[in-house]
Amino acid sequence: MTTGTLTRADLTEAVFQAVGLSRTDSAQMVEDMLEEVCGALARGETVKLSSFGTFAVRQKSQRMGRNPKTGDEVPIAPRRVLVFRPSHVLKATINGQEHNGSEGPGSED
């Protein structure tokens, strides 16, 4: 993982190293997991991965936007967008802090 980007191949190799499955089985496991997550999001379901975060699909309504080049107002069609909310554990990890494990009321991750 020297590219600075985590790829499917990197995930497959990590599963191979950690679990000890064959590379083919590891690749299939990664593909199945990603397919399940994508399918759930396409159905409008929320995907919550404990200690990582929550993926959800939000519906955005039509609105007026502005073409920055011409200044003309143009309608922006309604669409669904993917949003990600990182867990407190992930936020702490990214910031180099230890997570204390005491998540208060209303905590979602």
PDB file of N, CA and C in Angstrom:
ATOM      1  N   MET A   1       0.842  -1.194   0.000  1.00  0.00           N
ATOM      2  CA  MET A   1       0.000   0.000   0.000  1.00  0.00           C
ATOM      3  C   MET A   1       0.878   1.245   0.000  1.00  0.00           C
ATOM      4  N   THR A   2       1.606   1.426  -1.048  1.00  0.00           N
ATOM      5  CA  THR A   2       2.522   2.552  -1.131  1.00  0.00           C
ATOM      6  C   THR A   2       1.970   3.699  -1.962  1.00  0.00           C
ATOM      7  N   THR A   3       0.806   3.512  -2.575  1.00  0.00           N
ATOM      8  CA  THR A   3       0.272   4.530  -3.477  1.00  0.00           C
ATOM      9  C   THR A   3      -0.430   5.671  -2.753  1.00  0.00           C
ATOM     10  N   GLY A   4      -0.733   5.519  -1.489  1.00  0.00           N
ATOM     11  CA  GLY A   4      -1.496   6.540  -0.787  1.00  0.00           C
ATOM     12  C   GLY A   4      -2.987   6.360  -0.952  1.00  0.00           C
ATOM     13  N   THR A   5      -3.389   5.370  -1.727  1.00  0.00           N
ATOM     14  CA  THR A   5      -4.793   5.062  -1.938  1.00  0.00           C
ATOM     15  C   THR A   5      -5.017   3.587  -1.643  1.00  0.00           C
ATOM     16  N   LEU A   6      -6.018   3.297  -0.856  1.00  0.00           N
ATOM     17  CA  LEU A   6      -6.366   1.915  -0.540  1.00  0.00           C
ATOM     18  C   LEU A   6      -7.254   1.377  -1.659  1.00  0.00           C
ATOM     19  N   THR A   7      -6.835   0.295  -2.294  1.00  0.00           N
ATOM     20  CA  THR A   7      -7.575  -0.266  -3.423  1.00  0.00           C
ATOM     21  C   THR A   7      -8.200  -1.599  -3.039  1.00  0.00           C
ATOM     22  N   ARG A   8      -9.031  -2.131  -3.945  1.00  0.00           N
ATOM     23  CA  ARG A   8      -9.604  -3.461  -3.734  1.00  0.00           C
ATOM     24  C   ARG A   8      -8.500  -4.493  -3.591  1.00  0.00           C
ATOM     25  N   ALA A   9      -7.453  -4.351  -4.383  1.00  0.00           N
ATOM     26  CA  ALA A   9      -6.327  -5.289  -4.305  1.00  0.00           C
ATOM     27  C   ALA A   9      -5.672  -5.226  -2.928  1.00  0.00           C
ATOM     28  N   ASP A  10      -5.552  -4.020  -2.369  1.00  0.00           N
ATOM     29  CA  ASP A  10      -4.986  -3.868  -1.026  1.00  0.00           C
ATOM     30  C   ASP A  10      -5.889  -4.534   0.014  1.00  0.00           C
ATOM     31  N   LEU A  11      -7.202  -4.332  -0.122  1.00  0.00           N
ATOM     32  CA  LEU A  11      -8.137  -4.974   0.810  1.00  0.00           C
ATOM     33  C   LEU A  11      -8.062  -6.490   0.693  1.00  0.00           C
ATOM     34  N   THR A  12      -7.973  -6.988  -0.540  1.00  0.00           N
ATOM     35  CA  THR A  12      -7.863  -8.423  -0.762  1.00  0.00           C
ATOM     36  C   THR A  12      -6.604  -8.967  -0.107  1.00  0.00           C
ATOM     37  N   GLU A  13      -5.503  -8.265  -0.264  1.00  0.00           N
ATOM     38  CA  GLU A  13      -4.237  -8.706   0.335  1.00  0.00           C
ATOM     39  C   GLU A  13      -4.325  -8.683   1.862  1.00  0.00           C
ATOM     40  N   ALA A  14      -4.981  -7.676   2.425  1.00  0.00           N
ATOM     41  CA  ALA A  14      -5.139  -7.591   3.875  1.00  0.00           C
ATOM     42  C   ALA A  14      -5.970  -8.758   4.402  1.00  0.00           C
ATOM     43  N   VAL A  15      -7.054  -9.100   3.699  1.00  0.00           N
ATOM     44  CA  VAL A  15      -7.878 -10.256   4.094  1.00  0.00           C
ATOM     45  C   VAL A  15      -7.053 -11.531   3.981  1.00  0.00           C
ATOM     46  N   PHE A  16      -6.302 -11.653   2.902  1.00  0.00           N
ATOM     47  CA  PHE A  16      -5.445 -12.822   2.691  1.00  0.00           C
ATOM     48  C   PHE A  16      -4.462 -12.983   3.850  1.00  0.00           C
ATOM     49  N   GLN A  17      -3.828 -11.889   4.256  1.00  0.00           N
ATOM     50  CA  GLN A  17      -2.837 -11.933   5.339  1.00  0.00           C
ATOM     51  C   GLN A  17      -3.485 -12.205   6.694  1.00  0.00           C
ATOM     52  N   ALA A  18      -4.625 -11.571   6.960  1.00  0.00           N
ATOM     53  CA  ALA A  18      -5.250 -11.667   8.282  1.00  0.00           C
ATOM     54  C   ALA A  18      -6.009 -12.965   8.490  1.00  0.00           C
ATOM     55  N   VAL A  19      -6.714 -13.428   7.468  1.00  0.00           N
ATOM     56  CA  VAL A  19      -7.600 -14.575   7.632  1.00  0.00           C
ATOM     57  C   VAL A  19      -6.947 -15.867   7.164  1.00  0.00           C
ATOM     58  N   GLY A  20      -6.073 -15.759   6.185  1.00  0.00           N
ATOM     59  CA  GLY A  20      -5.399 -16.949   5.696  1.00  0.00           C
ATOM     60  C   GLY A  20      -6.145 -17.686   4.611  1.00  0.00           C
ATOM     61  N   LEU A  21      -7.168 -17.066   4.042  1.00  0.00           N
ATOM     62  CA  LEU A  21      -7.858 -17.661   2.898  1.00  0.00           C
ATOM     63  C   LEU A  21      -6.955 -17.546   1.677  1.00  0.00           C
ATOM     64  N   SER A  22      -7.304 -18.248   0.622  1.00  0.00           N
ATOM     65  CA  SER A  22      -6.555 -18.096  -0.624  1.00  0.00           C
ATOM     66  C   SER A  22      -6.792 -16.690  -1.163  1.00  0.00           C
ATOM     67  N   ARG A  23      -5.934 -16.257  -2.060  1.00  0.00           N
ATOM     68  CA  ARG A  23      -6.113 -14.920  -2.650  1.00  0.00           C
ATOM     69  C   ARG A  23      -7.437 -14.846  -3.416  1.00  0.00           C
ATOM     70  N   THR A  24      -7.797 -15.931  -4.084  1.00  0.00           N
ATOM     71  CA  THR A  24      -9.063 -15.962  -4.822  1.00  0.00           C
ATOM     72  C   THR A  24     -10.251 -15.833  -3.873  1.00  0.00           C
ATOM     73  N   ASP A  25     -10.228 -16.592  -2.779  1.00  0.00           N
ATOM     74  CA  ASP A  25     -11.310 -16.513  -1.790  1.00  0.00           C
ATOM     75  C   ASP A  25     -11.339 -15.150  -1.111  1.00  0.00           C
ATOM     76  N   SER A  26     -10.161 -14.601  -0.847  1.00  0.00           N
ATOM     77  CA  SER A  26     -10.088 -13.269  -0.234  1.00  0.00           C
ATOM     78  C   SER A  26     -10.678 -12.221  -1.165  1.00  0.00           C
ATOM     79  N   ALA A  27     -10.345 -12.304  -2.453  1.00  0.00           N
ATOM     80  CA  ALA A  27     -10.881 -11.354  -3.425  1.00  0.00           C
ATOM     81  C   ALA A  27     -12.396 -11.487  -3.510  1.00  0.00           C
ATOM     82  N   GLN A  28     -12.899 -12.726  -3.497  1.00  0.00           N
ATOM     83  CA  GLN A  28     -14.343 -12.944  -3.563  1.00  0.00           C
ATOM     84  C   GLN A  28     -15.034 -12.388  -2.322  1.00  0.00           C
ATOM     85  N   MET A  29     -14.395 -12.533  -1.152  1.00  0.00           N
ATOM     86  CA  MET A  29     -14.971 -12.011   0.086  1.00  0.00           C
ATOM     87  C   MET A  29     -15.076 -10.485   0.026  1.00  0.00           C
ATOM     88  N   VAL A  30     -14.035  -9.836  -0.454  1.00  0.00           N
ATOM     89  CA  VAL A  30     -14.053  -8.372  -0.578  1.00  0.00           C
ATOM     90  C   VAL A  30     -15.132  -7.949  -1.567  1.00  0.00           C
ATOM     91  N   GLU A  31     -15.208  -8.616  -2.712  1.00  0.00           N
ATOM     92  CA  GLU A  31     -16.217  -8.288  -3.721  1.00  0.00           C
ATOM     93  C   GLU A  31     -17.629  -8.482  -3.175  1.00  0.00           C
ATOM     94  N   ASP A  32     -17.857  -9.585  -2.459  1.00  0.00           N
ATOM     95  CA  ASP A  32     -19.187  -9.856  -1.892  1.00  0.00           C
ATOM     96  C   ASP A  32     -19.581  -8.787  -0.879  1.00  0.00           C
ATOM     97  N   MET A  33     -18.628  -8.378  -0.055  1.00  0.00           N
ATOM     98  CA  MET A  33     -18.914  -7.356   0.957  1.00  0.00           C
ATOM     99  C   MET A  33     -19.254  -6.030   0.293  1.00  0.00           C
ATOM    100  N   LEU A  34     -18.454  -5.627  -0.683  1.00  0.00           N
ATOM    101  CA  LEU A  34     -18.721  -4.367  -1.370  1.00  0.00           C
ATOM    102  C   LEU A  34     -20.038  -4.411  -2.143  1.00  0.00           C
ATOM    103  N   GLU A  35     -20.339  -5.545  -2.744  1.00  0.00           N
ATOM    104  CA  GLU A  35     -21.599  -5.708  -3.470  1.00  0.00           C
ATOM    105  C   GLU A  35     -22.790  -5.597  -2.516  1.00  0.00           C
ATOM    106  N   GLU A  36     -22.671  -6.173  -1.343  1.00  0.00           N
ATOM    107  CA  GLU A  36     -23.751  -6.106  -0.351  1.00  0.00           C
ATOM    108  C   GLU A  36     -23.967  -4.668   0.115  1.00  0.00           C
ATOM    109  N   VAL A  37     -22.882  -3.942   0.372  1.00  0.00           N
ATOM    110  CA  VAL A  37     -22.991  -2.546   0.796  1.00  0.00           C
ATOM    111  C   VAL A  37     -23.628  -1.708  -0.313  1.00  0.00           C
ATOM    112  N   CYS A  38     -23.151  -1.879  -1.549  1.00  0.00           N
ATOM    113  CA  CYS A  38     -23.706  -1.116  -2.682  1.00  0.00           C
ATOM    114  C   CYS A  38     -25.185  -1.427  -2.897  1.00  0.00           C
ATOM    115  N   GLY A  39     -25.544  -2.699  -2.795  1.00  0.00           N
ATOM    116  CA  GLY A  39     -26.937  -3.086  -2.972  1.00  0.00           C
ATOM    117  C   GLY A  39     -27.841  -2.472  -1.914  1.00  0.00           C
ATOM    118  N   ALA A  40     -27.384  -2.491  -0.670  1.00  0.00           N
ATOM    119  CA  ALA A  40     -28.182  -1.902   0.411  1.00  0.00           C
ATOM    120  C   ALA A  40     -28.365  -0.407   0.199  1.00  0.00           C
ATOM    121  N   LEU A  41     -27.307   0.283  -0.204  1.00  0.00           N
ATOM    122  CA  LEU A  41     -27.413   1.724  -0.449  1.00  0.00           C
ATOM    123  C   LEU A  41     -28.320   2.016  -1.633  1.00  0.00           C
ATOM    124  N   ALA A  42     -28.249   1.203  -2.681  1.00  0.00           N
ATOM    125  CA  ALA A  42     -29.116   1.395  -3.846  1.00  0.00           C
ATOM    126  C   ALA A  42     -30.584   1.211  -3.480  1.00  0.00           C
ATOM    127  N   ARG A  43     -30.860   0.349  -2.488  1.00  0.00           N
ATOM    128  CA  ARG A  43     -32.243   0.144  -2.026  1.00  0.00           C
ATOM    129  C   ARG A  43     -32.678   1.238  -1.051  1.00  0.00           C
ATOM    130  N   GLY A  44     -31.778   2.165  -0.741  1.00  0.00           N
ATOM    131  CA  GLY A  44     -32.106   3.259   0.167  1.00  0.00           C
ATOM    132  C   GLY A  44     -31.894   2.927   1.629  1.00  0.00           C
ATOM    133  N   GLU A  45     -31.244   1.810   1.910  1.00  0.00           N
ATOM    134  CA  GLU A  45     -30.983   1.413   3.292  1.00  0.00           C
ATOM    135  C   GLU A  45     -29.749   2.134   3.821  1.00  0.00           C
ATOM    136  N   THR A  46     -29.660   2.248   5.133  1.00  0.00           N
ATOM    137  CA  THR A  46     -28.494   2.808   5.790  1.00  0.00           C
ATOM    138  C   THR A  46     -27.541   1.668   6.106  1.00  0.00           C
ATOM    139  N   VAL A  47     -26.246   1.905   5.909  1.00  0.00           N
ATOM    140  CA  VAL A  47     -25.227   0.903   6.210  1.00  0.00           C
ATOM    141  C   VAL A  47     -24.385   1.431   7.352  1.00  0.00           C
ATOM    142  N   LYS A  48     -24.430   0.732   8.490  1.00  0.00           N
ATOM    143  CA  LYS A  48     -23.682   1.150   9.665  1.00  0.00           C
ATOM    144  C   LYS A  48     -22.608   0.114   9.958  1.00  0.00           C
ATOM    145  N   LEU A  49     -21.359   0.563   9.954  1.00  0.00           N
ATOM    146  CA  LEU A  49     -20.230  -0.297  10.272  1.00  0.00           C
ATOM    147  C   LEU A  49     -19.678   0.168  11.615  1.00  0.00           C
ATOM    148  N   SER A  50     -19.879  -0.634  12.621  1.00  0.00           N
ATOM    149  CA  SER A  50     -19.487  -0.283  13.972  1.00  0.00           C
ATOM    150  C   SER A  50     -18.018   0.107  14.033  1.00  0.00           C
ATOM    151  N   SER A  51     -17.722   1.157  14.763  1.00  0.00           N
ATOM    152  CA  SER A  51     -16.376   1.712  14.944  1.00  0.00           C
ATOM    153  C   SER A  51     -15.785   2.272  13.661  1.00  0.00           C
ATOM    154  N   PHE A  52     -16.579   2.378  12.605  1.00  0.00           N
ATOM    155  CA  PHE A  52     -16.102   2.971  11.359  1.00  0.00           C
ATOM    156  C   PHE A  52     -16.978   4.160  10.968  1.00  0.00           C
ATOM    157  N   GLY A  53     -18.272   3.906  10.726  1.00  0.00           N
ATOM    158  CA  GLY A  53     -19.152   5.003  10.364  1.00  0.00           C
ATOM    159  C   GLY A  53     -20.438   4.516   9.736  1.00  0.00           C
ATOM    160  N   THR A  54     -21.229   5.466   9.283  1.00  0.00           N
ATOM    161  CA  THR A  54     -22.538   5.179   8.714  1.00  0.00           C
ATOM    162  C   THR A  54     -22.648   5.798   7.329  1.00  0.00           C
ATOM    163  N   PHE A  55     -23.046   4.971   6.364  1.00  0.00           N
ATOM    164  CA  PHE A  55     -23.321   5.418   5.006  1.00  0.00           C
ATOM    165  C   PHE A  55     -24.839   5.510   4.866  1.00  0.00           C
ATOM    166  N   ALA A  56     -25.307   6.577   4.258  1.00  0.00           N
ATOM    167  CA  ALA A  56     -26.746   6.732   4.049  1.00  0.00           C
ATOM    168  C   ALA A  56     -26.977   7.449   2.725  1.00  0.00           C
ATOM    169  N   VAL A  57     -28.167   7.266   2.179  1.00  0.00           N
ATOM    170  CA  VAL A  57     -28.559   7.937   0.944  1.00  0.00           C
ATOM    171  C   VAL A  57     -29.574   9.001   1.303  1.00  0.00           C
ATOM    172  N   ARG A  58     -29.336  10.234   0.854  1.00  0.00           N
ATOM    173  CA  ARG A  58     -30.262  11.337   1.093  1.00  0.00           C
ATOM    174  C   ARG A  58     -30.866  11.775  -0.219  1.00  0.00           C
ATOM    175  N   GLN A  59     -32.116  12.160  -0.153  1.00  0.00           N
ATOM    176  CA  GLN A  59     -32.815  12.680  -1.328  1.00  0.00           C
ATOM    177  C   GLN A  59     -32.675  14.194  -1.326  1.00  0.00           C
ATOM    178  N   LYS A  60     -32.181  14.750  -2.409  1.00  0.00           N
ATOM    179  CA  LYS A  60     -32.079  16.200  -2.538  1.00  0.00           C
ATOM    180  C   LYS A  60     -33.141  16.650  -3.535  1.00  0.00           C
ATOM    181  N   SER A  61     -33.851  17.685  -3.180  1.00  0.00           N
ATOM    182  CA  SER A  61     -34.918  18.173  -4.053  1.00  0.00           C
ATOM    183  C   SER A  61     -34.346  19.096  -5.130  1.00  0.00           C
ATOM    184  N   GLN A  62     -35.183  19.399  -6.108  1.00  0.00           N
ATOM    185  CA  GLN A  62     -34.757  20.296  -7.182  1.00  0.00           C
ATOM    186  C   GLN A  62     -34.514  21.683  -6.602  1.00  0.00           C
ATOM    187  N   ARG A  63     -33.514  22.350  -7.160  1.00  0.00           N
ATOM    188  CA  ARG A  63     -33.222  23.716  -6.722  1.00  0.00           C
ATOM    189  C   ARG A  63     -32.627  24.482  -7.886  1.00  0.00           C
ATOM    190  N   MET A  64     -32.550  25.761  -7.720  1.00  0.00           N
ATOM    191  CA  MET A  64     -31.939  26.596  -8.752  1.00  0.00           C
ATOM    192  C   MET A  64     -30.463  26.782  -8.415  1.00  0.00           C
ATOM    193  N   GLY A  65     -29.637  26.630  -9.432  1.00  0.00           N
ATOM    194  CA  GLY A  65     -28.210  26.859  -9.283  1.00  0.00           C
ATOM    195  C   GLY A  65     -27.774  27.921 -10.262  1.00  0.00           C
ATOM    196  N   ARG A  66     -26.490  28.226 -10.246  1.00  0.00           N
ATOM    197  CA  ARG A  66     -25.978  29.262 -11.133  1.00  0.00           C
ATOM    198  C   ARG A  66     -24.743  28.718 -11.848  1.00  0.00           C
ATOM    199  N   ASN A  67     -24.721  28.879 -13.163  1.00  0.00           N
ATOM    200  CA  ASN A  67     -23.551  28.510 -13.942  1.00  0.00           C
ATOM    201  C   ASN A  67     -22.457  29.522 -13.614  1.00  0.00           C
ATOM    202  N   PRO A  68     -21.342  29.073 -13.003  1.00  0.00           N
ATOM    203  CA  PRO A  68     -20.323  30.037 -12.585  1.00  0.00           C
ATOM    204  C   PRO A  68     -19.643  30.757 -13.757  1.00  0.00           C
ATOM    205  N   LYS A  69     -19.660  30.131 -14.917  1.00  0.00           N
ATOM    206  CA  LYS A  69     -18.999  30.741 -16.073  1.00  0.00           C
ATOM    207  C   LYS A  69     -19.844  31.845 -16.690  1.00  0.00           C
ATOM    208  N   THR A  70     -21.149  31.590 -16.820  1.00  0.00           N
ATOM    209  CA  THR A  70     -22.021  32.562 -17.504  1.00  0.00           C
ATOM    210  C   THR A  70     -22.890  33.364 -16.550  1.00  0.00           C
ATOM    211  N   GLY A  71     -23.097  32.857 -15.341  1.00  0.00           N
ATOM    212  CA  GLY A  71     -23.966  33.538 -14.387  1.00  0.00           C
ATOM    213  C   GLY A  71     -25.426  33.207 -14.576  1.00  0.00           C
ATOM    214  N   ASP A  72     -25.751  32.387 -15.582  1.00  0.00           N
ATOM    215  CA  ASP A  72     -27.144  32.011 -15.838  1.00  0.00           C
ATOM    216  C   ASP A  72     -27.650  31.078 -14.748  1.00  0.00           C
ATOM    217  N   GLU A  73     -28.929  31.284 -14.387  1.00  0.00           N
ATOM    218  CA  GLU A  73     -29.556  30.369 -13.436  1.00  0.00           C
ATOM    219  C   GLU A  73     -30.015  29.123 -14.181  1.00  0.00           C
ATOM    220  N   VAL A  74     -29.735  27.969 -13.596  1.00  0.00           N
ATOM    221  CA  VAL A  74     -30.141  26.704 -14.207  1.00  0.00           C
ATOM    222  C   VAL A  74     -30.741  25.810 -13.124  1.00  0.00           C
ATOM    223  N   PRO A  75     -31.779  25.049 -13.479  1.00  0.00           N
ATOM    224  CA  PRO A  75     -32.358  24.147 -12.478  1.00  0.00           C
ATOM    225  C   PRO A  75     -31.443  22.937 -12.275  1.00  0.00           C
ATOM    226  N   ILE A  76     -31.292  22.553 -11.026  1.00  0.00           N
ATOM    227  CA  ILE A  76     -30.546  21.348 -10.674  1.00  0.00           C
ATOM    228  C   ILE A  76     -31.584  20.294 -10.339  1.00  0.00           C
ATOM    229  N   ALA A  77     -31.539  19.190 -11.058  1.00  0.00           N
ATOM    230  CA  ALA A  77     -32.551  18.141 -10.935  1.00  0.00           C
ATOM    231  C   ALA A  77     -32.490  17.480  -9.560  1.00  0.00           C
ATOM    232  N   PRO A  78     -33.628  16.945  -9.101  1.00  0.00           N
ATOM    233  CA  PRO A  78     -33.610  16.195  -7.839  1.00  0.00           C
ATOM    234  C   PRO A  78     -32.741  14.955  -8.006  1.00  0.00           C
ATOM    235  N   ARG A  79     -32.063  14.567  -6.939  1.00  0.00           N
ATOM    236  CA  ARG A  79     -31.173  13.419  -7.025  1.00  0.00           C
ATOM    237  C   ARG A  79     -30.939  12.823  -5.643  1.00  0.00           C
ATOM    238  N   ARG A  80     -30.389  11.639  -5.661  1.00  0.00           N
ATOM    239  CA  ARG A  80     -30.007  10.982  -4.410  1.00  0.00           C
ATOM    240  C   ARG A  80     -28.498  11.099  -4.266  1.00  0.00           C
ATOM    241  N   VAL A  81     -28.051  11.398  -3.053  1.00  0.00           N
ATOM    242  CA  VAL A  81     -26.620  11.538  -2.802  1.00  0.00           C
ATOM    243  C   VAL A  81     -26.211  10.637  -1.649  1.00  0.00           C
ATOM    244  N   LEU A  82     -24.984  10.177  -1.704  1.00  0.00           N
ATOM    245  CA  LEU A  82     -24.426   9.333  -0.657  1.00  0.00           C
ATOM    246  C   LEU A  82     -23.741  10.213   0.377  1.00  0.00           C
ATOM    247  N   VAL A  83     -24.046   9.972   1.639  1.00  0.00           N
ATOM    248  CA  VAL A  83     -23.387  10.707   2.717  1.00  0.00           C
ATOM    249  C   VAL A  83     -22.729   9.709   3.665  1.00  0.00           C
ATOM    250  N   PHE A  84     -21.636  10.122   4.275  1.00  0.00           N
ATOM    251  CA  PHE A  84     -20.907   9.282   5.215  1.00  0.00           C
ATOM    252  C   PHE A  84     -20.681  10.068   6.488  1.00  0.00           C
ATOM    253  N   ARG A  85     -21.025   9.450   7.617  1.00  0.00           N
ATOM    254  CA  ARG A  85     -20.760  10.052   8.926  1.00  0.00           C
ATOM    255  C   ARG A  85     -19.774   9.153   9.648  1.00  0.00           C
ATOM    256  N   PRO A  86     -18.558   9.621   9.859  1.00  0.00           N
ATOM    257  CA  PRO A  86     -17.572   8.787  10.550  1.00  0.00           C
ATOM    258  C   PRO A  86     -17.949   8.614  12.017  1.00  0.00           C
ATOM    259  N   SER A  87     -17.575   7.465  12.575  1.00  0.00           N
ATOM    260  CA  SER A  87     -17.833   7.221  13.991  1.00  0.00           C
ATOM    261  C   SER A  87     -16.852   8.023  14.832  1.00  0.00           C
ATOM    262  N   HIS A  88     -17.148   8.124  16.097  1.00  0.00           N
ATOM    263  CA  HIS A  88     -16.251   8.814  17.027  1.00  0.00           C
ATOM    264  C   HIS A  88     -14.921   8.072  17.109  1.00  0.00           C
ATOM    265  N   VAL A  89     -14.966   6.745  17.000  1.00  0.00           N
ATOM    266  CA  VAL A  89     -13.755   5.935  17.046  1.00  0.00           C
ATOM    267  C   VAL A  89     -12.864   6.273  15.853  1.00  0.00           C
ATOM    268  N   LEU A  90     -13.435   6.355  14.661  1.00  0.00           N
ATOM    269  CA  LEU A  90     -12.667   6.686  13.465  1.00  0.00           C
ATOM    270  C   LEU A  90     -12.107   8.094  13.562  1.00  0.00           C
ATOM    271  N   LYS A  91     -12.913   9.038  14.016  1.00  0.00           N
ATOM    272  CA  LYS A  91     -12.437  10.416  14.174  1.00  0.00           C
ATOM    273  C   LYS A  91     -11.249  10.471  15.119  1.00  0.00           C
ATOM    274  N   ALA A  92     -11.348   9.759  16.232  1.00  0.00           N
ATOM    275  CA  ALA A  92     -10.244   9.746  17.203  1.00  0.00           C
ATOM    276  C   ALA A  92      -8.997   9.114  16.599  1.00  0.00           C
ATOM    277  N   THR A  93      -9.177   8.033  15.865  1.00  0.00           N
ATOM    278  CA  THR A  93      -8.044   7.357  15.236  1.00  0.00           C
ATOM    279  C   THR A  93      -7.348   8.269  14.238  1.00  0.00           C
ATOM    280  N   ILE A  94      -8.117   8.953  13.419  1.00  0.00           N
ATOM    281  CA  ILE A  94      -7.557   9.864  12.417  1.00  0.00           C
ATOM    282  C   ILE A  94      -6.781  10.995  13.076  1.00  0.00           C
ATOM    283  N   ASN A  95      -7.270  11.450  14.217  1.00  0.00           N
ATOM    284  CA  ASN A  95      -6.625  12.548  14.929  1.00  0.00           C
ATOM    285  C   ASN A  95      -5.530  12.084  15.878  1.00  0.00           C
ATOM    286  N   GLY A  96      -5.188  10.797  15.828  1.00  0.00           N
ATOM    287  CA  GLY A  96      -4.101  10.277  16.656  1.00  0.00           C
ATOM    288  C   GLY A  96      -4.429  10.208  18.128  1.00  0.00           C
ATOM    289  N   GLN A  97      -5.702  10.122  18.450  1.00  0.00           N
ATOM    290  CA  GLN A  97      -6.128  10.056  19.844  1.00  0.00           C
ATOM    291  C   GLN A  97      -6.594   8.646  20.154  1.00  0.00           C
ATOM    292  N   GLU A  98      -6.532   8.298  21.418  1.00  0.00           N
ATOM    293  CA  GLU A  98      -7.099   7.017  21.833  1.00  0.00           C
ATOM    294  C   GLU A  98      -8.577   7.207  22.069  1.00  0.00           C
ATOM    295  N   HIS A  99      -9.344   6.201  21.665  1.00  0.00           N
ATOM    296  CA  HIS A  99     -10.779   6.256  21.908  1.00  0.00           C
ATOM    297  C   HIS A  99     -11.030   5.674  23.285  1.00  0.00           C
ATOM    298  N   ASN A 100     -11.779   6.401  24.132  1.00  0.00           N
ATOM    299  CA  ASN A 100     -11.984   5.960  25.510  1.00  0.00           C
ATOM    300  C   ASN A 100     -13.143   4.983  25.666  1.00  0.00           C
ATOM    301  N   GLY A 101     -13.923   4.758  24.616  1.00  0.00           N
ATOM    302  CA  GLY A 101     -14.996   3.769  24.680  1.00  0.00           C
ATOM    303  C   GLY A 101     -16.257   4.239  25.360  1.00  0.00           C
ATOM    304  N   SER A 102     -16.282   5.458  25.884  1.00  0.00           N
ATOM    305  CA  SER A 102     -17.500   5.939  26.552  1.00  0.00           C
ATOM    306  C   SER A 102     -18.225   6.892  25.625  1.00  0.00           C
ATOM    307  N   GLU A 103     -19.141   6.335  24.873  1.00  0.00           N
ATOM    308  CA  GLU A 103     -19.943   7.152  23.987  1.00  0.00           C
ATOM    309  C   GLU A 103     -21.244   7.478  24.710  1.00  0.00           C
ATOM    310  N   GLY A 104     -21.546   8.733  24.748  1.00  0.00           N
ATOM    311  CA  GLY A 104     -22.692   9.189  25.512  1.00  0.00           C
ATOM    312  C   GLY A 104     -24.013   8.916  24.829  1.00  0.00           C
ATOM    313  N   PRO A 105     -25.112   9.341  25.468  1.00  0.00           N
ATOM    314  CA  PRO A 105     -26.431   9.162  24.881  1.00  0.00           C
ATOM    315  C   PRO A 105     -26.543   9.895  23.564  1.00  0.00           C
ATOM    316  N   GLY A 106     -27.276   9.292  22.660  1.00  0.00           N
ATOM    317  CA  GLY A 106     -27.459   9.914  21.360  1.00  0.00           C
ATOM    318  C   GLY A 106     -26.311   9.627  20.420  1.00  0.00           C
ATOM    319  N   SER A 107     -25.314   8.900  20.897  1.00  0.00           N
ATOM    320  CA  SER A 107     -24.191   8.540  20.029  1.00  0.00           C
ATOM    321  C   SER A 107     -24.671   7.529  19.019  1.00  0.00           C
ATOM    322  N   GLU A 108     -24.246   7.720  17.795  1.00  0.00           N
ATOM    323  CA  GLU A 108     -24.772   6.837  16.773  1.00  0.00           C
ATOM    324  C   GLU A 108     -23.778   5.777  16.375  1.00  0.00           C
ATOM    325  N   ASP A 109     -22.530   5.847  16.774  1.00  0.00           N
ATOM    326  CA  ASP A 109     -21.570   4.826  16.363  1.00  0.00           C
ATOM    327  C   ASP A 109     -20.852   4.247  17.559  1.00  0.00           C
TER     328      ASP A 109
END
